[in-house]
Protein backbone atom coordinates (compact mmCIF):
# COMPACT_ATOMS: atom_id res chain seq x y z
CA MET A 1 32.55 61.56 -113.30
CA LYS A 2 32.52 59.17 -110.32
CA ASN A 3 28.89 58.30 -111.09
CA ILE A 4 29.89 57.07 -114.56
CA VAL A 5 33.01 55.09 -113.61
CA LEU A 6 31.33 52.59 -111.28
CA PRO A 7 28.66 51.43 -113.79
CA VAL A 8 31.31 51.14 -116.52
CA ILE A 9 33.56 49.02 -114.29
CA ALA A 10 30.63 46.81 -113.30
CA THR A 11 29.72 46.29 -116.96
CA VAL A 12 33.29 45.38 -117.92
CA ILE A 13 33.58 42.88 -115.07
CA THR A 14 30.25 41.30 -115.95
CA MET A 15 31.14 40.98 -119.63
CA SER A 16 34.59 39.55 -118.97
CA ALA A 17 33.16 36.92 -116.62
CA CYS A 18 30.98 35.53 -119.40
CA GLY A 19 33.81 33.57 -121.08
CA CYS A 20 32.54 30.83 -123.33
CA THR A 21 28.86 31.68 -123.26
CA SER A 22 26.28 31.57 -125.97
CA ARG A 23 24.66 34.63 -127.43
CA ARG A 24 22.19 32.40 -129.27
CA THR A 25 18.73 31.50 -128.09
CA TYR A 26 17.15 28.38 -129.55
CA LEU A 27 14.48 27.83 -126.90
CA LYS A 28 13.77 29.39 -123.57
CA GLU A 29 16.75 28.77 -121.32
CA SER A 30 14.61 26.88 -118.81
CA GLU A 31 13.56 24.41 -121.53
CA VAL A 32 17.01 23.53 -122.91
CA GLN A 33 19.85 21.67 -121.28
CA THR A 34 23.16 23.01 -122.61
CA VAL A 35 26.24 20.89 -122.13
CA THR A 36 29.53 22.76 -122.62
CA LEU A 37 32.67 20.85 -123.49
CA THR A 38 36.28 21.91 -124.02
CA GLU A 39 39.38 20.27 -125.47
CA VAL A 40 40.03 18.38 -122.21
CA ASP A 41 36.74 16.49 -122.69
CA SER A 42 38.03 14.77 -125.84
CA GLY A 43 37.83 11.00 -125.49
CA LYS A 44 34.89 11.06 -123.10
CA THR A 45 31.38 9.67 -123.42
CA ILE A 46 28.73 12.37 -123.01
CA ARG A 47 25.09 11.64 -122.19
CA ILE A 48 22.51 14.26 -123.20
CA GLY A 49 18.74 14.53 -123.58
CA GLN A 50 17.16 14.65 -127.02
CA ASP A 51 16.31 18.35 -126.70
CA ALA A 52 19.74 19.30 -125.33
CA MET A 53 22.23 21.63 -126.96
CA LEU A 54 25.88 20.66 -127.04
CA ARG A 55 28.42 23.50 -127.08
CA VAL A 56 32.02 22.63 -127.91
CA CYS A 57 34.57 25.39 -127.13
CA LEU A 58 37.97 24.88 -128.76
CA PRO A 59 41.07 27.08 -129.01
CA GLY A 60 42.28 28.16 -132.41
CA ASN A 61 43.99 30.84 -134.43
CA GLY A 62 42.49 31.61 -137.83
CA SER A 63 45.41 33.85 -138.79
CA THR A 64 47.60 30.73 -139.12
CA GLY A 65 45.30 29.16 -141.69
CA PHE A 66 44.23 26.44 -139.27
CA ALA A 67 40.54 25.85 -138.63
CA TRP A 68 38.40 23.33 -136.79
CA GLU A 69 36.46 21.07 -139.15
CA VAL A 70 33.62 18.73 -138.22
CA VAL A 71 34.45 15.42 -139.91
CA SER A 72 31.66 13.33 -138.36
CA SER A 73 28.68 14.10 -136.19
CA SER A 74 26.50 11.03 -136.70
CA ILE A 75 23.54 11.85 -134.43
CA LEU A 76 24.15 15.57 -133.98
CA SER A 77 23.17 18.47 -136.19
CA GLN A 78 25.45 21.52 -136.22
CA GLN A 79 23.56 24.73 -135.49
CA GLY A 80 24.94 27.63 -137.53
CA GLU A 81 28.50 28.86 -137.74
CA PRO A 82 30.85 28.89 -134.74
CA GLU A 83 31.03 31.90 -132.47
CA VAL A 84 34.49 33.43 -132.16
CA ASP A 85 35.67 34.93 -128.87
CA PRO A 86 39.14 36.54 -129.37
CA ASN A 87 41.67 36.05 -126.57
CA SER A 88 42.85 39.65 -127.03
CA SER A 89 42.55 42.58 -129.42
CA ALA A 90 46.07 41.98 -130.80
CA ILE A 91 46.38 41.23 -134.50
CA GLY A 92 46.91 37.51 -135.03
CA ALA A 93 45.78 36.57 -131.51
CA GLY A 94 44.13 33.25 -130.88
CA ALA A 95 40.48 32.79 -130.00
CA THR A 96 37.97 30.35 -128.60
CA TYR A 97 35.65 28.90 -131.21
CA SER A 98 32.26 27.75 -129.92
CA TYR A 99 30.41 25.19 -132.02
CA PHE A 100 26.76 24.37 -131.31
CA PHE A 101 25.06 21.04 -131.95
CA LYS A 102 21.58 19.69 -131.35
CA ALA A 103 20.71 16.02 -131.02
CA ALA A 104 19.12 14.85 -134.27
CA MET A 105 17.82 11.54 -132.88
CA PRO A 106 18.14 9.27 -129.86
CA GLY A 107 20.94 6.72 -129.89
CA THR A 108 24.71 6.51 -129.65
CA GLY A 109 27.08 8.19 -132.06
CA SER A 110 30.24 10.22 -132.24
CA LEU A 111 31.44 13.74 -132.86
CA LYS A 112 34.87 14.15 -134.39
CA MET A 113 36.54 17.47 -135.21
CA VAL A 114 40.04 18.09 -136.53
CA TYR A 115 42.22 21.21 -136.48
CA ARG A 116 44.03 21.60 -139.78
CA ARG A 117 44.59 23.80 -142.79
CA PRO A 118 41.77 23.01 -145.23
CA TRP A 119 44.08 22.94 -148.27
CA GLU A 120 46.49 20.46 -146.65
CA THR A 121 44.24 17.46 -147.20
CA ARG A 122 47.04 14.87 -146.97
CA ALA A 123 48.66 16.28 -143.83
CA ALA A 124 47.69 14.87 -140.45
CA PRO A 125 45.60 17.25 -138.32
CA LEU A 126 47.49 19.31 -135.76
CA ARG A 127 44.88 18.45 -133.09
CA SER A 128 41.64 16.55 -132.86
CA PHE A 129 38.57 16.44 -130.65
CA GLU A 130 36.40 13.32 -130.44
CA ILE A 131 33.62 12.22 -128.11
CA VAL A 132 30.99 9.51 -127.99
CA VAL A 133 27.51 10.98 -127.57
CA VAL A 134 24.60 9.08 -126.04
CA VAL A 135 21.30 10.83 -126.78
CA VAL A 136 18.48 9.74 -124.51
CA GLY A 137 15.01 10.07 -126.06
CA GLY A 138 12.26 12.28 -124.78
């Protein structure tokens, strides 16, 4: 029994330390720069290489009807659907939503996301996330 407990504890600790990490592989890790941003980075200017991945981790709670929506991403291309990392196993608990973007071309552009209920098109968003992105060519 003692021989089983230690590996299980080590696995749980390792998995819980991962936090907002990607389970996706686009290129070999050594070939791709991944820049991770959170809600506190809103309003900043971010400089990335043309082959870089941008990961935006934002808090949300889908059970309330609210969702993050990309409203502009001029020089970025969203890569797939967001990953959802629940904050707990409780019903209705919030989560961290990780969105992935790849630079589509060199230049300067913006990324704007809003947190709102999709059917409330006239209501102001509850929160927003916006950055200026400078993509440096190859």
